[in-house]
Amino acid sequence: MTTPTTPGLDTGRFLGLLRDELGLGYSESDLDTAFDDLPGWDSVLLLKLLGAAEQLTGRAAPMIDVLEAADLRAVHAALNGVPAA
């Protein structure tokens, strides 16, 4: 599955946010792992990620779409304005 990109929040930048802002060295394949199975993940990190993404993009995160996401790929898609499938 390819995630649509916007300037500043392509997959590489998203992974960079996870690494640089949260200290998590996830790879692209980890984006499809359910939150419950993702090593080191908790809901506080989601809030930190959203704050960092909002600073980077200058846009408010779509909270309902993000909260309904089952994995980081869905969060990334929501941050890029792609509705949940």
N, C-alpha and C. Protein backbone atom coordinates (compact mmCIF):
# COMPACT_ATOMS: atom_id res chain seq x y z
N MET A 1 0.84 -1.18 0.00
CA MET A 1 0.00 0.00 0.00
C MET A 1 0.88 1.23 0.00
N THR A 2 0.67 2.11 -0.92
CA THR A 2 1.43 3.36 -1.00
C THR A 2 0.63 4.47 -0.35
N THR A 3 1.28 5.22 0.52
CA THR A 3 0.61 6.33 1.18
C THR A 3 0.84 7.58 0.38
N PRO A 4 -0.22 8.30 0.01
CA PRO A 4 -0.05 9.57 -0.70
C PRO A 4 0.80 10.52 0.14
N THR A 5 1.49 11.39 -0.53
CA THR A 5 2.38 12.29 0.18
C THR A 5 1.97 13.73 -0.03
N THR A 6 2.38 14.55 0.90
CA THR A 6 2.26 15.99 0.77
C THR A 6 3.65 16.55 1.00
N PRO A 7 3.92 17.75 0.52
CA PRO A 7 5.24 18.30 0.78
C PRO A 7 5.52 18.32 2.28
N GLY A 8 6.62 17.74 2.67
CA GLY A 8 7.02 17.76 4.06
C GLY A 8 6.58 16.56 4.88
N LEU A 9 5.67 15.73 4.38
CA LEU A 9 5.25 14.58 5.16
C LEU A 9 5.12 13.32 4.30
N ASP A 10 6.14 13.07 3.51
CA ASP A 10 6.19 11.80 2.80
C ASP A 10 6.59 10.72 3.81
N THR A 11 6.69 9.49 3.37
CA THR A 11 6.98 8.39 4.28
C THR A 11 8.31 8.59 5.00
N GLY A 12 9.31 9.06 4.30
CA GLY A 12 10.61 9.30 4.93
C GLY A 12 10.54 10.33 6.04
N ARG A 13 9.82 11.42 5.81
CA ARG A 13 9.66 12.46 6.84
C ARG A 13 8.86 11.92 8.02
N PHE A 14 7.85 11.11 7.73
CA PHE A 14 7.04 10.52 8.80
C PHE A 14 7.90 9.61 9.67
N LEU A 15 8.69 8.76 9.04
CA LEU A 15 9.60 7.89 9.80
C LEU A 15 10.62 8.73 10.57
N GLY A 16 11.05 9.85 9.98
CA GLY A 16 11.97 10.76 10.66
C GLY A 16 11.34 11.35 11.92
N LEU A 17 10.07 11.70 11.85
CA LEU A 17 9.37 12.19 13.04
C LEU A 17 9.37 11.13 14.14
N LEU A 18 9.08 9.90 13.75
CA LEU A 18 9.07 8.81 14.73
C LEU A 18 10.45 8.64 15.37
N ARG A 19 11.48 8.75 14.58
CA ARG A 19 12.84 8.57 15.06
C ARG A 19 13.31 9.78 15.87
N ASP A 20 13.20 10.96 15.28
CA ASP A 20 13.79 12.15 15.88
C ASP A 20 12.98 12.72 17.03
N GLU A 21 11.67 12.67 16.92
CA GLU A 21 10.82 13.27 17.96
C GLU A 21 10.44 12.28 19.05
N LEU A 22 10.34 10.98 18.69
CA LEU A 22 9.89 9.99 19.66
C LEU A 22 10.97 8.99 20.05
N GLY A 23 12.10 9.00 19.33
CA GLY A 23 13.17 8.07 19.64
C GLY A 23 12.87 6.63 19.24
N LEU A 24 11.99 6.45 18.26
CA LEU A 24 11.61 5.12 17.80
C LEU A 24 12.18 4.84 16.43
N GLY A 25 12.96 3.80 16.30
CA GLY A 25 13.61 3.47 15.04
C GLY A 25 12.79 2.52 14.20
N TYR A 26 11.54 2.86 13.93
CA TYR A 26 10.70 2.00 13.12
C TYR A 26 11.09 2.10 11.65
N SER A 27 10.84 1.01 10.92
CA SER A 27 11.06 0.99 9.48
C SER A 27 9.71 1.09 8.78
N GLU A 28 9.74 1.19 7.46
CA GLU A 28 8.49 1.30 6.72
C GLU A 28 7.59 0.09 6.94
N SER A 29 8.17 -1.10 7.10
CA SER A 29 7.34 -2.29 7.33
C SER A 29 6.63 -2.24 8.68
N ASP A 30 7.17 -1.51 9.64
CA ASP A 30 6.52 -1.37 10.94
C ASP A 30 5.25 -0.52 10.87
N LEU A 31 5.10 0.28 9.83
CA LEU A 31 3.93 1.14 9.71
C LEU A 31 2.63 0.34 9.62
N ASP A 32 2.72 -0.91 9.17
CA ASP A 32 1.53 -1.75 9.02
C ASP A 32 1.26 -2.63 10.24
N THR A 33 2.08 -2.54 11.26
CA THR A 33 1.90 -3.34 12.47
C THR A 33 0.84 -2.69 13.36
N ALA A 34 -0.09 -3.49 13.83
CA ALA A 34 -1.13 -2.98 14.73
C ALA A 34 -0.48 -2.37 15.97
N PHE A 35 -1.08 -1.30 16.48
CA PHE A 35 -0.52 -0.62 17.65
C PHE A 35 -0.26 -1.58 18.80
N ASP A 36 -1.16 -2.51 19.05
CA ASP A 36 -0.99 -3.46 20.16
C ASP A 36 0.24 -4.34 19.99
N ASP A 37 0.69 -4.53 18.76
CA ASP A 37 1.84 -5.40 18.47
C ASP A 37 3.11 -4.62 18.18
N LEU A 38 3.06 -3.31 18.26
CA LEU A 38 4.19 -2.45 17.91
C LEU A 38 5.07 -2.25 19.14
N PRO A 39 6.31 -2.74 19.10
CA PRO A 39 7.19 -2.62 20.26
C PRO A 39 7.42 -1.16 20.66
N GLY A 40 7.27 -0.89 21.94
CA GLY A 40 7.57 0.44 22.46
C GLY A 40 6.47 1.47 22.27
N TRP A 41 5.35 1.10 21.68
CA TRP A 41 4.30 2.07 21.37
C TRP A 41 3.32 2.22 22.53
N ASP A 42 2.89 3.45 22.78
CA ASP A 42 1.78 3.69 23.70
C ASP A 42 1.03 4.94 23.24
N SER A 43 -0.13 5.18 23.83
CA SER A 43 -0.99 6.26 23.37
C SER A 43 -0.39 7.65 23.61
N VAL A 44 0.47 7.79 24.59
CA VAL A 44 1.13 9.08 24.82
C VAL A 44 2.01 9.44 23.62
N LEU A 45 2.64 8.44 23.03
CA LEU A 45 3.47 8.68 21.86
C LEU A 45 2.64 9.20 20.69
N LEU A 46 1.40 8.74 20.59
CA LEU A 46 0.53 9.23 19.52
C LEU A 46 0.31 10.74 19.66
N LEU A 47 0.08 11.19 20.87
CA LEU A 47 -0.10 12.63 21.10
C LEU A 47 1.16 13.41 20.76
N LYS A 48 2.31 12.89 21.14
CA LYS A 48 3.57 13.55 20.80
C LYS A 48 3.79 13.58 19.29
N LEU A 49 3.46 12.48 18.62
CA LEU A 49 3.59 12.42 17.17
C LEU A 49 2.69 13.46 16.50
N LEU A 50 1.47 13.58 16.98
CA LEU A 50 0.55 14.54 16.38
C LEU A 50 1.05 15.96 16.56
N GLY A 51 1.57 16.28 17.72
CA GLY A 51 2.12 17.62 17.94
C GLY A 51 3.27 17.91 17.01
N ALA A 52 4.16 16.93 16.83
CA ALA A 52 5.31 17.11 15.94
C ALA A 52 4.86 17.25 14.49
N ALA A 53 3.87 16.45 14.09
CA ALA A 53 3.36 16.51 12.72
C ALA A 53 2.69 17.85 12.46
N GLU A 54 1.94 18.34 13.43
CA GLU A 54 1.29 19.64 13.26
C GLU A 54 2.31 20.76 13.12
N GLN A 55 3.39 20.69 13.88
CA GLN A 55 4.44 21.70 13.74
C GLN A 55 5.09 21.64 12.37
N LEU A 56 5.34 20.43 11.90
CA LEU A 56 5.99 20.26 10.60
C LEU A 56 5.11 20.72 9.45
N THR A 57 3.83 20.37 9.50
CA THR A 57 2.95 20.66 8.37
C THR A 57 2.24 22.00 8.49
N GLY A 58 2.13 22.52 9.72
CA GLY A 58 1.41 23.76 9.92
C GLY A 58 -0.10 23.58 9.86
N ARG A 59 -0.56 22.33 9.95
CA ARG A 59 -1.98 22.02 9.90
C ARG A 59 -2.39 21.22 11.14
N ALA A 60 -3.62 21.42 11.56
CA ALA A 60 -4.15 20.62 12.66
C ALA A 60 -4.34 19.18 12.19
N ALA A 61 -4.05 18.25 13.08
CA ALA A 61 -4.25 16.84 12.76
C ALA A 61 -5.73 16.51 12.80
N PRO A 62 -6.20 15.66 11.89
CA PRO A 62 -7.60 15.24 11.89
C PRO A 62 -7.82 14.21 13.01
N MET A 63 -8.15 14.69 14.19
CA MET A 63 -8.16 13.85 15.39
C MET A 63 -9.04 12.60 15.28
N ILE A 64 -10.22 12.72 14.73
CA ILE A 64 -11.09 11.53 14.67
C ILE A 64 -10.45 10.46 13.79
N ASP A 65 -9.93 10.84 12.63
CA ASP A 65 -9.29 9.86 11.75
C ASP A 65 -8.07 9.24 12.43
N VAL A 66 -7.30 10.05 13.12
CA VAL A 66 -6.10 9.55 13.80
C VAL A 66 -6.49 8.59 14.92
N LEU A 67 -7.49 8.95 15.71
CA LEU A 67 -7.90 8.10 16.83
C LEU A 67 -8.53 6.79 16.36
N GLU A 68 -9.07 6.77 15.16
CA GLU A 68 -9.64 5.53 14.61
C GLU A 68 -8.59 4.66 13.92
N ALA A 69 -7.39 5.17 13.76
CA ALA A 69 -6.33 4.43 13.06
C ALA A 69 -5.91 3.20 13.86
N ALA A 70 -5.67 2.11 13.14
CA ALA A 70 -5.24 0.86 13.77
C ALA A 70 -3.73 0.68 13.74
N ASP A 71 -3.06 1.50 12.92
CA ASP A 71 -1.61 1.39 12.79
C ASP A 71 -1.04 2.73 12.33
N LEU A 72 0.27 2.81 12.29
CA LEU A 72 0.92 4.06 11.91
C LEU A 72 0.71 4.41 10.44
N ARG A 73 0.52 3.43 9.58
CA ARG A 73 0.24 3.72 8.17
C ARG A 73 -1.06 4.52 8.07
N ALA A 74 -2.07 4.13 8.84
CA ALA A 74 -3.35 4.84 8.83
C ALA A 74 -3.20 6.25 9.43
N VAL A 75 -2.37 6.40 10.45
CA VAL A 75 -2.10 7.73 11.00
C VAL A 75 -1.44 8.60 9.94
N HIS A 76 -0.46 8.05 9.26
CA HIS A 76 0.24 8.79 8.21
C HIS A 76 -0.74 9.21 7.12
N ALA A 77 -1.60 8.30 6.70
CA ALA A 77 -2.59 8.63 5.68
C ALA A 77 -3.51 9.75 6.17
N ALA A 78 -3.97 9.66 7.42
CA ALA A 78 -4.86 10.69 7.97
C ALA A 78 -4.16 12.04 7.99
N LEU A 79 -2.90 12.06 8.37
CA LEU A 79 -2.16 13.33 8.40
C LEU A 79 -1.99 13.91 7.01
N ASN A 80 -2.07 13.06 6.00
CA ASN A 80 -1.98 13.52 4.62
C ASN A 80 -3.35 13.78 4.01
N GLY A 81 -4.39 13.73 4.84
CA GLY A 81 -5.74 14.04 4.36
C GLY A 81 -6.42 12.93 3.61
N VAL A 82 -5.94 11.70 3.76
CA VAL A 82 -6.56 10.56 3.09
C VAL A 82 -7.54 9.92 4.06
N PRO A 83 -8.83 9.88 3.73
CA PRO A 83 -9.81 9.31 4.64
C PRO A 83 -9.59 7.81 4.85
N ALA A 84 -10.01 7.33 6.01
CA ALA A 84 -9.88 5.91 6.32
C ALA A 84 -10.72 5.09 5.34
N ALA A 85 -10.18 3.92 5.01
CA ALA A 85 -10.89 3.04 4.06
C ALA A 85 -12.03 2.32 4.72
